[in-house]
Amino acid sequence: MHEFADVKGEKWEVRITAGTIKRVSDLMDGVDLGQPLVGDPPFLTRFDTEIPFKANVLYAVLRPQCEARDITDEQFAELLEGEVLYEASVAFWEELADFFQSLQRTEVVKAIRRQMEIVRRGVEMMTEKIEGPAFDGAITRKLKEVSDQIDAELAELGDSAVSTPPSPDVIPSPEPSAS
């Protein structure tokens, strides 16, 4: 069993059993945790790329605990902010890997571990990129471009405001002719 804490600090125990797999399948129109390498995209990919799907899977896995706490699926999803959702995902993957390890399905365990590594490395790479000087330079250049564009548009608006004809109140009326 693996666990994580929600945004309120309450603990949730992730346990995968045959009953869990059946419950997820029943609640999620045939999503089969027992076949995580199957699908288009495969469950492994979908879980890590579709946040609503991930929240629904986690709710289905944890539904008995949610019901005991009188928490709906939407209320549960509200408890899964940022890092909590990541930690819940790690607990889920670890538990699913343990389940398949106990079944001697090592190919699935390897695929799960590989998926976890891909996500972890992807997060590291994006963090390095965002925190690096190249990203700062790109942001600075983009901000300068936007600032220059705004300045140009304001200057153009200023020129057009100066070149607009004066209002009729300012135009002197012609004097009647003495004819």
C-alpha atoms as a PDB file:
ATOM      1  CA  MET A   1       0.000   0.000   0.000  1.00  0.00           C
ATOM      2  CA  HIS A   2       1.203   3.519  -0.868  1.00  0.00           C
ATOM      3  CA  GLU A   3      -0.203   6.789   0.365  1.00  0.00           C
ATOM      4  CA  PHE A   4      -0.275  10.504  -0.284  1.00  0.00           C
ATOM      5  CA  ALA A   5      -1.677  13.532   1.522  1.00  0.00           C
ATOM      6  CA  ASP A   6      -4.248  15.862  -0.063  1.00  0.00           C
ATOM      7  CA  VAL A   7      -4.141  19.677   0.109  1.00  0.00           C
ATOM      8  CA  LYS A   8      -5.765  19.546   3.544  1.00  0.00           C
ATOM      9  CA  GLY A   9      -3.062  17.168   4.776  1.00  0.00           C
ATOM     10  CA  GLU A  10      -5.407  14.169   4.989  1.00  0.00           C
ATOM     11  CA  LYS A  11      -3.892  10.802   4.113  1.00  0.00           C
ATOM     12  CA  TRP A  12      -5.184   8.581   1.314  1.00  0.00           C
ATOM     13  CA  GLU A  13      -4.148   4.935   0.995  1.00  0.00           C
ATOM     14  CA  VAL A  14      -3.721   3.682  -2.563  1.00  0.00           C
ATOM     15  CA  ARG A  15      -4.269  -0.072  -2.768  1.00  0.00           C
ATOM     16  CA  ILE A  16      -4.665  -2.009  -5.998  1.00  0.00           C
ATOM     17  CA  THR A  17      -6.452  -5.344  -5.880  1.00  0.00           C
ATOM     18  CA  ALA A  18      -8.491  -7.330  -8.386  1.00  0.00           C
ATOM     19  CA  GLY A  19     -11.504  -5.609  -6.805  1.00  0.00           C
ATOM     20  CA  THR A  20      -9.943  -2.189  -7.493  1.00  0.00           C
ATOM     21  CA  ILE A  21      -9.370  -3.129 -11.132  1.00  0.00           C
ATOM     22  CA  LYS A  22     -12.968  -4.307 -11.461  1.00  0.00           C
ATOM     23  CA  ARG A  23     -14.320  -1.156  -9.781  1.00  0.00           C
ATOM     24  CA  VAL A  24     -12.330   1.122 -12.103  1.00  0.00           C
ATOM     25  CA  SER A  25     -13.533  -0.860 -15.124  1.00  0.00           C
ATOM     26  CA  ASP A  26     -17.170  -0.665 -13.962  1.00  0.00           C
ATOM     27  CA  LEU A  27     -17.035   3.052 -13.131  1.00  0.00           C
ATOM     28  CA  MET A  28     -14.993   4.164 -16.129  1.00  0.00           C
ATOM     29  CA  ASP A  29     -16.659   2.395 -19.024  1.00  0.00           C
ATOM     30  CA  GLY A  30     -14.157  -0.372 -19.505  1.00  0.00           C
ATOM     31  CA  VAL A  31     -10.884   1.320 -18.514  1.00  0.00           C
ATOM     32  CA  ASP A  32      -8.798  -1.727 -17.657  1.00  0.00           C
ATOM     33  CA  LEU A  33      -6.008  -1.210 -15.124  1.00  0.00           C
ATOM     34  CA  GLY A  34      -5.188  -4.854 -15.726  1.00  0.00           C
ATOM     35  CA  GLN A  35      -4.066  -3.952 -19.257  1.00  0.00           C
ATOM     36  CA  PRO A  36      -2.111  -0.685 -18.820  1.00  0.00           C
ATOM     37  CA  LEU A  37      -0.163  -1.168 -22.067  1.00  0.00           C
ATOM     38  CA  VAL A  38      -3.342  -1.426 -24.174  1.00  0.00           C
ATOM     39  CA  GLY A  39      -5.398   1.352 -25.752  1.00  0.00           C
ATOM     40  CA  ASP A  40      -5.013   4.287 -28.074  1.00  0.00           C
ATOM     41  CA  PRO A  41      -3.292   5.971 -26.397  1.00  0.00           C
ATOM     42  CA  PRO A  42      -2.277   3.270 -23.906  1.00  0.00           C
ATOM     43  CA  PHE A  43      -3.484   3.729 -20.326  1.00  0.00           C
ATOM     44  CA  LEU A  44       0.103   4.475 -19.237  1.00  0.00           C
ATOM     45  CA  THR A  45       0.251   7.505 -21.518  1.00  0.00           C
ATOM     46  CA  ARG A  46      -3.323   8.664 -21.020  1.00  0.00           C
ATOM     47  CA  PHE A  47      -3.005   8.683 -17.222  1.00  0.00           C
ATOM     48  CA  ASP A  48      -0.036  11.046 -17.368  1.00  0.00           C
ATOM     49  CA  THR A  49      -1.340  13.327 -20.121  1.00  0.00           C
ATOM     50  CA  GLU A  50      -5.062  13.814 -19.361  1.00  0.00           C
ATOM     51  CA  ILE A  51      -5.649  15.436 -15.989  1.00  0.00           C
ATOM     52  CA  PRO A  52      -9.438  14.844 -15.871  1.00  0.00           C
ATOM     53  CA  PHE A  53      -8.840  11.177 -16.734  1.00  0.00           C
ATOM     54  CA  LYS A  54      -6.188  10.917 -13.994  1.00  0.00           C
ATOM     55  CA  ALA A  55      -8.534  12.494 -11.436  1.00  0.00           C
ATOM     56  CA  ASN A  56     -11.329  10.089 -12.428  1.00  0.00           C
ATOM     57  CA  VAL A  57      -9.046   7.046 -12.180  1.00  0.00           C
ATOM     58  CA  LEU A  58      -7.776   8.121  -8.774  1.00  0.00           C
ATOM     59  CA  TYR A  59     -11.347   8.708  -7.584  1.00  0.00           C
ATOM     60  CA  ALA A  60     -12.410   5.262  -8.812  1.00  0.00           C
ATOM     61  CA  VAL A  61      -9.414   3.644  -7.103  1.00  0.00           C
ATOM     62  CA  LEU A  62     -10.110   5.529  -3.875  1.00  0.00           C
ATOM     63  CA  ARG A  63     -13.913   5.507  -4.067  1.00  0.00           C
ATOM     64  CA  PRO A  64     -14.471   3.437  -0.903  1.00  0.00           C
ATOM     65  CA  GLN A  65     -12.417   5.999   1.064  1.00  0.00           C
ATOM     66  CA  CYS A  66     -14.247   8.873  -0.636  1.00  0.00           C
ATOM     67  CA  GLU A  67     -17.612   7.364   0.256  1.00  0.00           C
ATOM     68  CA  ALA A  68     -16.490   6.832   3.856  1.00  0.00           C
ATOM     69  CA  ARG A  69     -15.556  10.525   3.992  1.00  0.00           C
ATOM     70  CA  ASP A  70     -18.731  11.534   2.123  1.00  0.00           C
ATOM     71  CA  ILE A  71     -16.716  13.148  -0.686  1.00  0.00           C
ATOM     72  CA  THR A  72     -17.956  13.381  -4.281  1.00  0.00           C
ATOM     73  CA  ASP A  73     -15.705  12.945  -7.294  1.00  0.00           C
ATOM     74  CA  GLU A  74     -15.586  16.736  -7.808  1.00  0.00           C
ATOM     75  CA  GLN A  75     -14.766  17.395  -4.164  1.00  0.00           C
ATOM     76  CA  PHE A  76     -12.025  14.778  -4.367  1.00  0.00           C
ATOM     77  CA  ALA A  77     -10.562  16.402  -7.496  1.00  0.00           C
ATOM     78  CA  GLU A  78     -10.472  19.755  -5.663  1.00  0.00           C
ATOM     79  CA  LEU A  79      -8.139  18.147  -3.123  1.00  0.00           C
ATOM     80  CA  LEU A  80      -5.599  17.282  -5.852  1.00  0.00           C
ATOM     81  CA  GLU A  81      -3.777  20.539  -6.510  1.00  0.00           C
ATOM     82  CA  GLY A  82      -0.408  20.577  -8.288  1.00  0.00           C
ATOM     83  CA  GLU A  83       2.153  18.698  -6.249  1.00  0.00           C
ATOM     84  CA  VAL A  84      -0.539  16.666  -4.491  1.00  0.00           C
ATOM     85  CA  LEU A  85      -1.726  15.359  -7.866  1.00  0.00           C
ATOM     86  CA  TYR A  86       1.859  14.454  -8.715  1.00  0.00           C
ATOM     87  CA  GLU A  87       2.325  12.647  -5.381  1.00  0.00           C
ATOM     88  CA  ALA A  88      -1.005  10.830  -5.850  1.00  0.00           C
ATOM     89  CA  SER A  89       0.192   9.739  -9.294  1.00  0.00           C
ATOM     90  CA  VAL A  90       3.459   8.405  -7.870  1.00  0.00           C
ATOM     91  CA  ALA A  91       1.566   6.497  -5.162  1.00  0.00           C
ATOM     92  CA  PHE A  92      -0.767   5.068  -7.819  1.00  0.00           C
ATOM     93  CA  TRP A  93       2.075   3.992 -10.126  1.00  0.00           C
ATOM     94  CA  GLU A  94       4.047   2.456  -7.270  1.00  0.00           C
ATOM     95  CA  GLU A  95       1.025   0.494  -6.098  1.00  0.00           C
ATOM     96  CA  LEU A  96       0.148  -0.647  -9.620  1.00  0.00           C
ATOM     97  CA  ALA A  97       3.754  -1.771 -10.157  1.00  0.00           C
ATOM     98  CA  ASP A  98       3.640  -3.703  -6.870  1.00  0.00           C
ATOM     99  CA  PHE A  99       0.385  -5.361  -7.949  1.00  0.00           C
ATOM    100  CA  PHE A 100       1.891  -6.531 -11.239  1.00  0.00           C
ATOM    101  CA  GLN A 101       5.135  -7.572  -9.532  1.00  0.00           C
ATOM    102  CA  SER A 102       3.144  -9.885  -7.272  1.00  0.00           C
ATOM    103  CA  LEU A 103       1.583 -11.410 -10.414  1.00  0.00           C
ATOM    104  CA  GLN A 104       5.074 -11.936 -11.902  1.00  0.00           C
ATOM    105  CA  ARG A 105       4.163  -9.616 -14.794  1.00  0.00           C
ATOM    106  CA  THR A 106       7.586  -7.988 -14.938  1.00  0.00           C
ATOM    107  CA  GLU A 107       7.074  -6.557 -18.427  1.00  0.00           C
ATOM    108  CA  VAL A 108       4.257  -4.382 -17.057  1.00  0.00           C
ATOM    109  CA  VAL A 109       6.360  -3.388 -14.036  1.00  0.00           C
ATOM    110  CA  LYS A 110       9.184  -2.335 -16.375  1.00  0.00           C
ATOM    111  CA  ALA A 111       6.769  -0.314 -18.505  1.00  0.00           C
ATOM    112  CA  ILE A 112       5.340   1.431 -15.420  1.00  0.00           C
ATOM    113  CA  ARG A 113       8.827   2.226 -14.092  1.00  0.00           C
ATOM    114  CA  ARG A 114       9.834   3.524 -17.519  1.00  0.00           C
ATOM    115  CA  GLN A 115       6.731   5.738 -17.665  1.00  0.00           C
ATOM    116  CA  MET A 116       7.514   7.140 -14.221  1.00  0.00           C
ATOM    117  CA  GLU A 117      11.098   7.851 -15.305  1.00  0.00           C
ATOM    118  CA  ILE A 118       9.932   9.601 -18.483  1.00  0.00           C
ATOM    119  CA  VAL A 119       7.615  11.882 -16.494  1.00  0.00           C
ATOM    120  CA  ARG A 120      10.268  12.585 -13.840  1.00  0.00           C
ATOM    121  CA  ARG A 121      12.900  13.360 -16.469  1.00  0.00           C
ATOM    122  CA  GLY A 122      10.478  15.513 -18.448  1.00  0.00           C
ATOM    123  CA  VAL A 123       9.762  17.596 -15.357  1.00  0.00           C
ATOM    124  CA  GLU A 124      13.498  17.946 -14.658  1.00  0.00           C
ATOM    125  CA  MET A 125      14.244  18.986 -18.238  1.00  0.00           C
ATOM    126  CA  MET A 126      11.492  21.606 -18.285  1.00  0.00           C
ATOM    127  CA  THR A 127      12.625  22.944 -14.905  1.00  0.00           C
ATOM    128  CA  GLU A 128      16.224  23.208 -16.143  1.00  0.00           C
ATOM    129  CA  LYS A 129      15.060  24.947 -19.297  1.00  0.00           C
ATOM    130  CA  ILE A 130      12.799  27.411 -17.473  1.00  0.00           C
ATOM    131  CA  GLU A 131      15.430  28.202 -14.843  1.00  0.00           C
ATOM    132  CA  GLY A 132      18.273  28.494 -17.362  1.00  0.00           C
ATOM    133  CA  PRO A 133      19.714  31.670 -18.880  1.00  0.00           C
ATOM    134  CA  ALA A 134      18.420  30.832 -22.365  1.00  0.00           C
ATOM    135  CA  PHE A 135      14.832  30.952 -21.075  1.00  0.00           C
ATOM    136  CA  ASP A 136      15.493  34.264 -19.297  1.00  0.00           C
ATOM    137  CA  GLY A 137      16.977  35.664 -22.498  1.00  0.00           C
ATOM    138  CA  ALA A 138      14.017  34.459 -24.565  1.00  0.00           C
ATOM    139  CA  ILE A 139      11.541  35.975 -22.092  1.00  0.00           C
ATOM    140  CA  THR A 140      13.464  39.244 -22.016  1.00  0.00           C
ATOM    141  CA  ARG A 141      13.525  39.389 -25.837  1.00  0.00           C
ATOM    142  CA  LYS A 142       9.796  38.620 -26.048  1.00  0.00           C
ATOM    143  CA  LEU A 143       8.959  41.262 -23.440  1.00  0.00           C
ATOM    144  CA  LYS A 144      11.066  43.823 -25.356  1.00  0.00           C
ATOM    145  CA  GLU A 145       9.251  42.928 -28.607  1.00  0.00           C
ATOM    146  CA  VAL A 146       5.871  43.365 -26.946  1.00  0.00           C
ATOM    147  CA  SER A 147       6.972  46.610 -25.296  1.00  0.00           C
ATOM    148  CA  ASP A 148       8.294  47.972 -28.618  1.00  0.00           C
ATOM    149  CA  GLN A 149       5.043  46.994 -30.348  1.00  0.00           C
ATOM    150  CA  ILE A 150       2.969  48.754 -27.681  1.00  0.00           C
ATOM    151  CA  ASP A 151       5.173  51.856 -27.940  1.00  0.00           C
ATOM    152  CA  ALA A 152       4.773  51.874 -31.739  1.00  0.00           C
ATOM    153  CA  GLU A 153       0.995  51.510 -31.497  1.00  0.00           C
ATOM    154  CA  LEU A 154       0.778  54.279 -28.900  1.00  0.00           C
ATOM    155  CA  ALA A 155       2.934  56.542 -31.077  1.00  0.00           C
ATOM    156  CA  GLU A 156       0.682  55.799 -34.050  1.00  0.00           C
ATOM    157  CA  LEU A 157      -2.392  56.582 -31.972  1.00  0.00           C
ATOM    158  CA  GLY A 158      -0.756  59.820 -30.843  1.00  0.00           C
ATOM    159  CA  ASP A 159      -0.001  60.844 -34.457  1.00  0.00           C
ATOM    160  CA  SER A 160      -3.533  60.054 -35.571  1.00  0.00           C
ATOM    161  CA  ALA A 161      -4.969  62.015 -32.633  1.00  0.00           C
ATOM    162  CA  VAL A 162      -2.892  65.057 -33.695  1.00  0.00           C
ATOM    163  CA  SER A 163      -3.888  64.764 -37.356  1.00  0.00           C
ATOM    164  CA  THR A 164      -7.642  64.439 -36.764  1.00  0.00           C
ATOM    165  CA  PRO A 165      -9.637  67.372 -37.957  1.00  0.00           C
ATOM    166  CA  PRO A 166     -10.621  69.808 -35.238  1.00  0.00           C
ATOM    167  CA  SER A 167     -14.139  69.618 -33.863  1.00  0.00           C
ATOM    168  CA  PRO A 168     -16.812  71.901 -35.408  1.00  0.00           C
ATOM    169  CA  ASP A 169     -16.803  74.077 -32.294  1.00  0.00           C
ATOM    170  CA  VAL A 170     -13.210  75.115 -33.003  1.00  0.00           C
ATOM    171  CA  ILE A 171     -13.663  75.897 -36.716  1.00  0.00           C
ATOM    172  CA  PRO A 172     -14.464  79.618 -37.158  1.00  0.00           C
ATOM    173  CA  SER A 173     -17.674  80.341 -39.029  1.00  0.00           C
ATOM    174  CA  PRO A 174     -17.198  82.247 -42.287  1.00  0.00           C
ATOM    175  CA  GLU A 175     -18.176  85.901 -42.232  1.00  0.00           C
ATOM    176  CA  PRO A 176     -21.135  86.713 -44.447  1.00  0.00           C
ATOM    177  CA  SER A 177     -20.064  88.442 -47.638  1.00  0.00           C
ATOM    178  CA  ALA A 178     -20.968  92.060 -48.234  1.00  0.00           C
ATOM    179  CA  SER A 179     -22.566  91.556 -51.591  1.00  0.00           C
END
